[in-house]
Structures are given as C-alpha cells and as structure tokens.
Amino acid sequence: MHQDYGRSNIEILVADGMSNDGTREKLFQYVSKKYPLIIIDNIYQSVSHGLNLAISNSQHNIIIRMDAHSSYPNNYISQLVYYLAKLNADNVGGVIDTLPGSDNHISHSIANAISHPFGVGNSLFRVGAKDICRVETVPFGCFHKNKLLSLGGYDLDLVRNQDDELNARIIKNGGAIYLIPEIKIKYYARTRIVHLIKMFFQYGLYKPLVIKKTKAIITYRQLIPFIFTVGIIVGSILSFIYPVIYRAYISSTLCYFGISIYIGLKESIRTRRWYNIIYLPFIFSVIHFSYGLGFASGIIRTIFGDHTRRKIIKESR
C-alpha cells in the first residue's frame, strides 16, 4: 500500500470472511510494515457484517472503504480526506476506471459494457463526470465514523446494494455526497459471463428491498431493466394471442438489438477491437436481463418477507 497521506496514524482493518485460500498470509506480505494491520474475523461471511465490524473496531474518526478487485492511486487517501473536509461532506468518492480482469476478448468486452451508458445507465461514477458534483452514491466512500454509527452502519439484510441504501439514508438525514472526478480507481471487471450474471442478478435481487427500506426509488433508470425483462417475457406470451402486441413486440425487440449492434460497431471502431460488435450486444442483454430477473425475484421476496439472514449468508459466499 503506497499512499502519500504522510501520517503515521493510519490503521488498516481487513474483515476476512474466514478465508482458507492463503489470503491472510498474502496480506502480511503485501501490506507495508509502516501501517498496522488488523485482521477481523467476519464469521457471518457477508460484506455488510464485515464493514460494520471494521468500522466499530476502528480507532479513528475517518473511515475509508477500499474493496477488492481494485487498485487505488497514491493520493487516494489524502484526496478523499481533503475533500471530505473542504466540501463539508458526509461521503466522498472517486470515479471507477473499469479495466478487463484478464487479457482476452470477452474480458475486454465485459469491461467495456459495464462502463458504457447503454449497459449501466447514467451512473456518473461508472461513466465519468467533468466536475465535482453532488450525487446519490459513490463507490466505496470516505466517511466520518460517528456519522456512520449514528446511522446504524451498513444494513445487514443486504448482500448487494448496501452502498445505495446507506447513501440513501445519508441523504435522507440531510447529508451530502460528492463525486470527485480527479480521483480515479482502477476496477478489474469480472472475467466470465457466469460471474457477470450472478453479480447483476444480485444487484437486481436486493434493489426492491432497498426501495422498501428507503421508501423511495433510488433512480428511475434502475427500473428500466426490470421493465425490459417483463416486456420480453410477457410480450412473447401475449404475442401468440394478440397480433397487435406481436407487431409491437417484434418492433421493440428489433429496436433494442439494433441499438446494441450499433453501439457494438461504434465501440469496435473507437477501441479498435473488432470483437466488440459480436460480444457487446450479447453482454448488454445479459446485464439487463440478469438485473431484471433479479429485480422481479426481489419484488416477490420483499412482498413475502423472504430476505432472511440465512439466505443472505448463503448468497454472499
């Protein structure tokens, strides 16, 4: 960990989900001896539990969350601390620079898809912003510990979307969240389609529970994949009954894939990677359909109260 923060009172807390793959040994190898390392046993093996354990065990009032699958600039800590104070903010974060998890065609296309507006909407921390701006959520984040504790920390019912729910509570309680575009985090995307499906399915699965808890739709763009999925499924059934719906269904489906192919072609030219025109339309549909199915499942779970702790621990593994 190479940071220019220049203070000796940094502590590193790692909430380890009882790993048995040599993670603990590697932690001691890669973390500088300059900073104390504290390993916390996260016996619940869920992200929200681990984060809350780390926060409650911290000795300092500024908490900076740093997740895996990412690498951070040398001024990451110093810049976040600076802007947290300068903006009188409750949470500040940087922009995600999405990189392929491995050097093959599908990995490059996955990274391209989850950083493109057609794939993930107008999420500024993914697609970028020109200036510092107030937003609804940021990746990871930098907070005041006392603020987090006063809000109750991360919600233990959430495997995914715990950031969205926490940030919604911050805003609901009069707080301010800022995106700092000059802070760029390198995020290494999933390398396999099956992992992408699981990730976006879980994003969709827990979104209705977030909506229920916050009593508000976080952003309307997050409903679009759900509407798309319902339209595909219901439209295909009704098309056999009503000719008018059949024509509308075929037209809208062709329009969707036409846009996907057009974007794939543009990205192939822009990135000079010919395979984007083949993979991107498929990956876009995987993202949208997985999220939409997850959202539909999440609605059913939320209505029937099936978001149990037992299921949460199982799904987080």
Protein backbone atom coordinates (compact mmCIF):
# COMPACT_ATOMS: atom_id res chain seq x y z
CA MET A 1 0.00 0.00 0.00
CA HIS A 2 1.73 3.16 -1.21
CA GLN A 3 -0.05 6.34 -0.15
CA ASP A 4 1.17 9.91 0.17
CA TYR A 5 -1.04 10.69 3.15
CA GLY A 6 2.03 11.32 5.28
CA ARG A 7 0.57 10.43 8.64
CA SER A 8 1.59 7.60 10.89
CA ASN A 9 -1.83 7.14 12.48
CA ILE A 10 -3.26 5.08 9.64
CA GLU A 11 -4.65 1.71 10.56
CA ILE A 12 -5.67 -0.99 8.10
CA LEU A 13 -8.56 -3.20 9.07
CA VAL A 14 -9.34 -6.26 6.96
CA ALA A 15 -12.60 -8.08 7.56
CA ASP A 16 -11.75 -11.58 6.43
CA GLY A 17 -14.67 -13.90 5.69
CA MET A 18 -12.92 -16.90 7.23
CA SER A 19 -10.88 -17.49 4.07
CA ASN A 20 -8.85 -20.66 3.69
CA ASP A 21 -7.10 -19.84 0.42
CA GLY A 22 -3.96 -18.23 1.84
CA THR A 23 -5.41 -14.71 1.91
CA ARG A 24 -4.20 -13.96 5.44
CA GLU A 25 -0.63 -14.92 4.63
CA LYS A 26 -0.66 -12.76 1.49
CA LEU A 27 -1.97 -9.78 3.43
CA PHE A 28 1.13 -9.70 5.58
CA GLN A 29 3.33 -10.00 2.51
CA TYR A 30 1.84 -7.09 0.56
CA VAL A 31 0.94 -4.55 3.21
CA SER A 32 3.76 -2.19 4.20
CA LYS A 33 5.12 -2.56 7.71
CA LYS A 34 4.66 1.19 8.06
CA TYR A 35 0.97 0.67 8.73
CA PRO A 36 -0.53 -1.59 11.42
CA LEU A 37 -2.67 -4.40 10.06
CA ILE A 38 -5.66 -5.68 11.99
CA ILE A 39 -7.47 -8.79 10.75
CA ILE A 40 -11.07 -9.13 11.89
CA ASP A 41 -12.85 -12.47 11.67
CA ASN A 42 -16.08 -11.98 9.74
CA ILE A 43 -17.79 -15.20 10.76
CA TYR A 44 -21.01 -14.12 9.01
CA GLN A 45 -19.16 -14.03 5.67
CA SER A 46 -21.20 -11.13 4.32
CA VAL A 47 -19.93 -7.72 3.19
CA SER A 48 -22.23 -5.67 5.42
CA HIS A 49 -21.23 -7.60 8.54
CA GLY A 50 -17.55 -7.24 7.67
CA LEU A 51 -17.82 -3.50 7.06
CA ASN A 52 -19.66 -2.88 10.32
CA LEU A 53 -17.11 -4.92 12.26
CA ALA A 54 -14.26 -2.92 10.74
CA ILE A 55 -15.98 0.40 11.42
CA SER A 56 -16.75 -0.41 15.05
CA ASN A 57 -13.17 -1.61 15.66
CA SER A 58 -11.54 1.44 14.09
CA GLN A 59 -9.73 3.84 16.43
CA HIS A 60 -10.05 6.87 14.14
CA ASN A 61 -12.91 9.10 13.05
CA ILE A 62 -12.31 8.97 9.29
CA ILE A 63 -13.26 5.71 7.59
CA ILE A 64 -12.15 4.94 4.05
CA ARG A 65 -13.55 1.84 2.44
CA MET A 66 -11.29 0.05 -0.05
CA ASP A 67 -12.69 -3.02 -1.79
CA ALA A 68 -11.03 -5.86 -3.63
CA HIS A 69 -10.86 -6.18 -7.45
CA SER A 70 -9.48 -2.62 -7.42
CA SER A 71 -6.28 -0.61 -7.24
CA TYR A 72 -6.03 2.92 -5.93
CA PRO A 73 -3.92 5.98 -6.82
CA ASN A 74 -1.16 7.04 -4.42
CA ASN A 75 -3.12 10.12 -3.39
CA TYR A 76 -6.37 8.26 -2.79
CA ILE A 77 -6.45 8.69 0.99
CA SER A 78 -5.11 12.25 1.06
CA GLN A 79 -7.53 13.47 -1.62
CA LEU A 80 -10.57 11.89 -0.01
CA VAL A 81 -9.69 13.29 3.41
CA TYR A 82 -9.08 16.72 1.86
CA TYR A 83 -12.40 16.87 0.01
CA LEU A 84 -14.37 15.40 2.92
CA ALA A 85 -13.32 18.44 4.96
CA LYS A 86 -13.34 21.03 2.16
CA LEU A 87 -16.85 20.19 0.97
CA ASN A 88 -18.19 19.58 4.49
CA ALA A 89 -19.41 16.30 3.07
CA ASP A 90 -20.76 13.15 4.64
CA ASN A 91 -19.32 10.89 1.95
CA VAL A 92 -16.94 11.44 -0.95
CA GLY A 93 -15.70 9.05 -3.61
CA GLY A 94 -13.94 8.78 -6.92
CA VAL A 95 -14.67 7.58 -10.44
CA ILE A 96 -14.34 3.96 -11.48
CA ASP A 97 -11.97 3.29 -14.38
CA THR A 98 -13.11 -0.17 -15.45
CA LEU A 99 -10.39 -2.47 -16.77
CA PRO A 100 -10.57 -6.06 -18.05
CA GLY A 101 -9.93 -8.71 -15.43
CA SER A 102 -7.81 -10.69 -17.88
CA ASP A 103 -6.36 -10.19 -21.34
CA ASN A 104 -8.90 -11.90 -23.59
CA HIS A 105 -11.70 -10.75 -25.86
CA ILE A 106 -14.64 -11.47 -23.57
CA SER A 107 -12.98 -9.75 -20.58
CA HIS A 108 -12.30 -6.61 -22.62
CA SER A 109 -15.90 -6.54 -23.83
CA ILE A 110 -17.29 -7.05 -20.30
CA ALA A 111 -15.21 -4.12 -19.05
CA ASN A 112 -16.45 -2.02 -21.96
CA ALA A 113 -20.11 -2.93 -21.35
CA ILE A 114 -20.19 -2.13 -17.62
CA SER A 115 -18.66 1.29 -18.20
CA HIS A 116 -20.96 2.26 -21.09
CA PRO A 117 -24.17 4.27 -20.51
CA PHE A 118 -26.22 1.74 -22.50
CA GLY A 119 -25.01 -1.00 -20.17
CA VAL A 120 -25.29 0.71 -16.78
CA GLY A 121 -27.22 3.92 -17.40
CA ASN A 122 -26.11 7.37 -16.32
CA SER A 123 -24.28 6.24 -13.18
CA LEU A 124 -21.67 9.01 -13.07
CA PHE A 125 -19.10 7.11 -11.05
CA ARG A 126 -19.05 4.48 -13.82
CA VAL A 127 -19.33 6.61 -16.96
CA GLY A 128 -17.41 9.63 -15.63
CA ALA A 129 -18.05 13.30 -14.87
CA LYS A 130 -16.26 16.55 -15.71
CA ASP A 131 -16.63 18.41 -12.42
CA ILE A 132 -17.13 17.74 -8.74
CA CYS A 133 -20.85 17.19 -8.20
CA ARG A 134 -23.37 16.05 -5.64
CA VAL A 135 -24.60 12.54 -6.37
CA GLU A 136 -26.77 9.82 -4.90
CA THR A 137 -23.97 7.30 -4.46
CA VAL A 138 -20.23 6.79 -4.92
CA PRO A 139 -18.06 3.68 -4.97
CA PHE A 140 -16.61 2.60 -1.61
CA GLY A 141 -16.52 6.03 0.04
CA CYS A 142 -14.91 8.13 2.76
CA PHE A 143 -16.96 8.92 5.85
CA HIS A 144 -16.90 10.21 9.41
CA LYS A 145 -17.11 7.25 11.78
CA ASN A 146 -19.51 9.00 14.16
CA LYS A 147 -21.87 9.69 11.25
CA LEU A 148 -21.85 6.05 10.19
CA LEU A 149 -22.50 4.87 13.75
CA SER A 150 -25.31 7.38 14.24
CA LEU A 151 -26.99 5.95 11.12
CA GLY A 152 -26.55 2.37 12.30
CA GLY A 153 -23.85 1.39 9.81
CA TYR A 154 -24.47 -0.82 6.79
CA ASP A 155 -27.74 -2.72 6.61
CA LEU A 156 -27.18 -6.37 7.47
CA ASP A 157 -30.06 -7.51 5.28
CA LEU A 158 -28.23 -6.55 2.09
CA VAL A 159 -25.70 -8.68 0.24
CA ARG A 160 -25.60 -6.22 -2.64
CA ASN A 161 -26.60 -2.56 -2.88
CA GLN A 162 -25.59 -1.85 0.71
CA ASP A 163 -23.85 1.29 -0.61
CA ASP A 164 -27.04 2.56 -2.25
CA GLU A 165 -29.09 2.00 0.88
CA LEU A 166 -26.55 3.62 3.21
CA ASN A 167 -26.12 6.62 0.92
CA ALA A 168 -29.89 7.00 0.65
CA ARG A 169 -30.04 7.18 4.47
CA ILE A 170 -27.24 9.75 4.48
CA ILE A 171 -29.15 11.98 2.06
CA LYS A 172 -32.47 11.38 3.83
CA ASN A 173 -30.86 12.64 7.05
CA GLY A 174 -29.65 15.84 5.40
CA GLY A 175 -26.20 14.65 4.38
CA ALA A 176 -24.26 15.43 1.20
CA ILE A 177 -22.39 13.01 -1.08
CA TYR A 178 -19.85 14.23 -3.64
CA LEU A 179 -18.18 12.59 -6.62
CA ILE A 180 -14.57 13.71 -7.20
CA PRO A 181 -13.69 13.02 -10.88
CA GLU A 182 -9.95 13.57 -10.44
CA ILE A 183 -9.81 10.55 -8.12
CA LYS A 184 -9.72 7.52 -10.39
CA ILE A 185 -9.99 3.96 -9.07
CA LYS A 186 -8.94 1.10 -11.31
CA TYR A 187 -11.59 -1.59 -11.07
CA TYR A 188 -10.97 -5.01 -12.62
CA ALA A 189 -14.18 -6.38 -14.06
CA ARG A 190 -15.43 -9.94 -13.93
CA THR A 191 -13.83 -12.23 -16.46
CA ARG A 192 -16.63 -14.74 -17.07
CA ILE A 193 -20.21 -14.32 -18.20
CA VAL A 194 -21.50 -16.59 -15.42
CA HIS A 195 -19.95 -14.29 -12.78
CA LEU A 196 -21.46 -11.26 -14.52
CA ILE A 197 -24.89 -12.91 -14.45
CA LYS A 198 -24.62 -13.64 -10.73
CA MET A 199 -23.41 -10.12 -9.91
CA PHE A 200 -26.17 -8.27 -11.78
CA PHE A 201 -28.84 -10.74 -10.66
CA GLN A 202 -27.92 -9.96 -7.05
CA TYR A 203 -27.89 -6.21 -7.77
CA GLY A 204 -31.46 -6.55 -9.03
CA LEU A 205 -32.48 -9.01 -6.30
CA TYR A 206 -31.75 -6.59 -3.46
CA LYS A 207 -32.90 -3.39 -5.13
CA PRO A 208 -36.61 -3.83 -4.16
CA LEU A 209 -35.55 -4.34 -0.53
CA VAL A 210 -33.53 -1.10 -0.73
CA ILE A 211 -36.60 0.67 -2.14
CA LYS A 212 -38.74 -0.71 0.66
CA LYS A 213 -36.28 0.34 3.36
CA THR A 214 -35.68 3.82 1.96
CA LYS A 215 -39.33 4.26 0.89
CA ALA A 216 -38.21 5.71 -2.42
CA ILE A 217 -36.99 4.61 -5.85
CA ILE A 218 -33.28 5.42 -5.85
CA THR A 219 -33.18 6.25 -9.57
CA TYR A 220 -35.77 5.51 -12.24
CA ARG A 221 -33.08 4.20 -14.59
CA GLN A 222 -32.81 1.16 -12.32
CA LEU A 223 -36.39 0.20 -13.23
CA ILE A 224 -35.66 0.04 -16.95
CA PRO A 225 -34.02 -3.45 -16.98
CA PHE A 226 -36.99 -4.77 -14.98
CA ILE A 227 -39.46 -3.28 -17.46
CA PHE A 228 -37.33 -4.65 -20.31
CA THR A 229 -37.34 -8.16 -18.83
CA VAL A 230 -41.06 -8.17 -18.09
CA GLY A 231 -41.70 -6.88 -21.60
CA ILE A 232 -39.64 -9.68 -23.14
CA ILE A 233 -41.36 -12.42 -21.13
CA VAL A 234 -44.94 -11.15 -21.11
CA GLY A 235 -44.70 -9.81 -24.66
CA SER A 236 -43.59 -13.18 -26.00
CA ILE A 237 -46.62 -14.86 -24.38
CA LEU A 238 -49.20 -12.28 -25.43
CA SER A 239 -47.81 -12.18 -28.97
CA PHE A 240 -49.36 -15.60 -29.60
CA ILE A 241 -52.78 -14.21 -28.65
CA TYR A 242 -52.87 -10.65 -29.97
CA PRO A 243 -51.43 -9.76 -33.42
CA VAL A 244 -51.08 -6.08 -32.43
CA ILE A 245 -48.89 -7.00 -29.48
CA TYR A 246 -46.90 -9.34 -31.71
CA ARG A 247 -46.02 -6.50 -34.09
CA ALA A 248 -45.14 -4.16 -31.22
CA TYR A 249 -43.11 -6.90 -29.54
CA ILE A 250 -41.09 -7.69 -32.65
CA SER A 251 -40.52 -4.00 -33.40
CA SER A 252 -39.31 -3.14 -29.90
CA THR A 253 -37.08 -6.23 -29.72
CA LEU A 254 -35.50 -5.42 -33.08
CA CYS A 255 -35.05 -1.82 -31.94
CA TYR A 256 -33.25 -2.93 -28.77
CA PHE A 257 -30.86 -5.25 -30.57
CA GLY A 258 -30.41 -2.72 -33.36
CA ILE A 259 -29.20 -0.17 -30.81
CA SER A 260 -26.96 -2.81 -29.20
CA ILE A 261 -25.38 -3.72 -32.52
CA TYR A 262 -24.93 -0.05 -33.45
CA ILE A 263 -23.15 0.62 -30.14
CA GLY A 264 -21.07 -2.53 -30.61
CA LEU A 265 -19.99 -1.25 -34.03
CA LYS A 266 -19.13 2.20 -32.67
CA GLU A 267 -17.14 0.72 -29.80
CA SER A 268 -15.34 -1.63 -32.19
CA ILE A 269 -14.20 1.39 -34.19
CA ARG A 270 -13.39 3.53 -31.15
CA THR A 271 -11.40 0.87 -29.31
CA ARG A 272 -10.09 -0.83 -32.45
CA ARG A 273 -11.30 -4.14 -31.09
CA TRP A 274 -13.36 -5.83 -33.80
CA TYR A 275 -14.87 -8.37 -31.44
CA ASN A 276 -16.92 -5.74 -29.58
CA ILE A 277 -19.51 -5.82 -32.34
CA ILE A 278 -20.00 -9.53 -31.59
CA TYR A 279 -19.77 -9.58 -27.80
CA LEU A 280 -21.23 -6.24 -26.70
CA PRO A 281 -24.85 -6.82 -27.85
CA PHE A 282 -24.82 -10.17 -26.07
CA ILE A 283 -23.25 -8.78 -22.87
CA PHE A 284 -25.67 -5.84 -22.78
CA SER A 285 -28.62 -8.25 -22.92
CA VAL A 286 -27.01 -10.43 -20.21
CA ILE A 287 -26.64 -7.40 -17.90
CA HIS A 288 -30.17 -6.12 -18.47
CA PHE A 289 -31.91 -9.50 -18.35
CA SER A 290 -29.98 -10.69 -15.26
CA TYR A 291 -30.72 -7.48 -13.40
CA GLY A 292 -34.37 -7.55 -14.50
CA LEU A 293 -34.88 -11.16 -13.39
CA GLY A 294 -33.19 -10.40 -10.09
CA PHE A 295 -35.42 -7.37 -9.60
CA ALA A 296 -38.55 -9.44 -10.29
CA SER A 297 -37.36 -12.10 -7.82
CA GLY A 298 -36.57 -9.36 -5.31
CA ILE A 299 -40.12 -7.99 -5.54
CA ILE A 300 -41.52 -11.43 -4.72
CA ARG A 301 -39.07 -11.89 -1.84
CA THR A 302 -39.78 -8.45 -0.44
CA ILE A 303 -43.56 -8.91 -0.59
CA PHE A 304 -43.39 -12.28 1.12
CA GLY A 305 -40.61 -11.34 3.55
CA ASP A 306 -38.19 -13.91 2.19
CA HIS A 307 -35.00 -11.83 2.57
CA THR A 308 -33.87 -13.91 5.55
CA ARG A 309 -30.45 -13.79 7.19
CA ARG A 310 -29.92 -17.47 6.36
CA LYS A 311 -30.40 -16.79 2.65
CA ILE A 312 -28.22 -13.69 2.84
CA ILE A 313 -25.26 -15.56 4.31
CA LYS A 314 -25.64 -18.33 1.74
CA GLU A 315 -25.83 -15.90 -1.21
CA SER A 316 -22.85 -13.84 -0.08
CA ARG A 317 -20.47 -16.77 -0.42
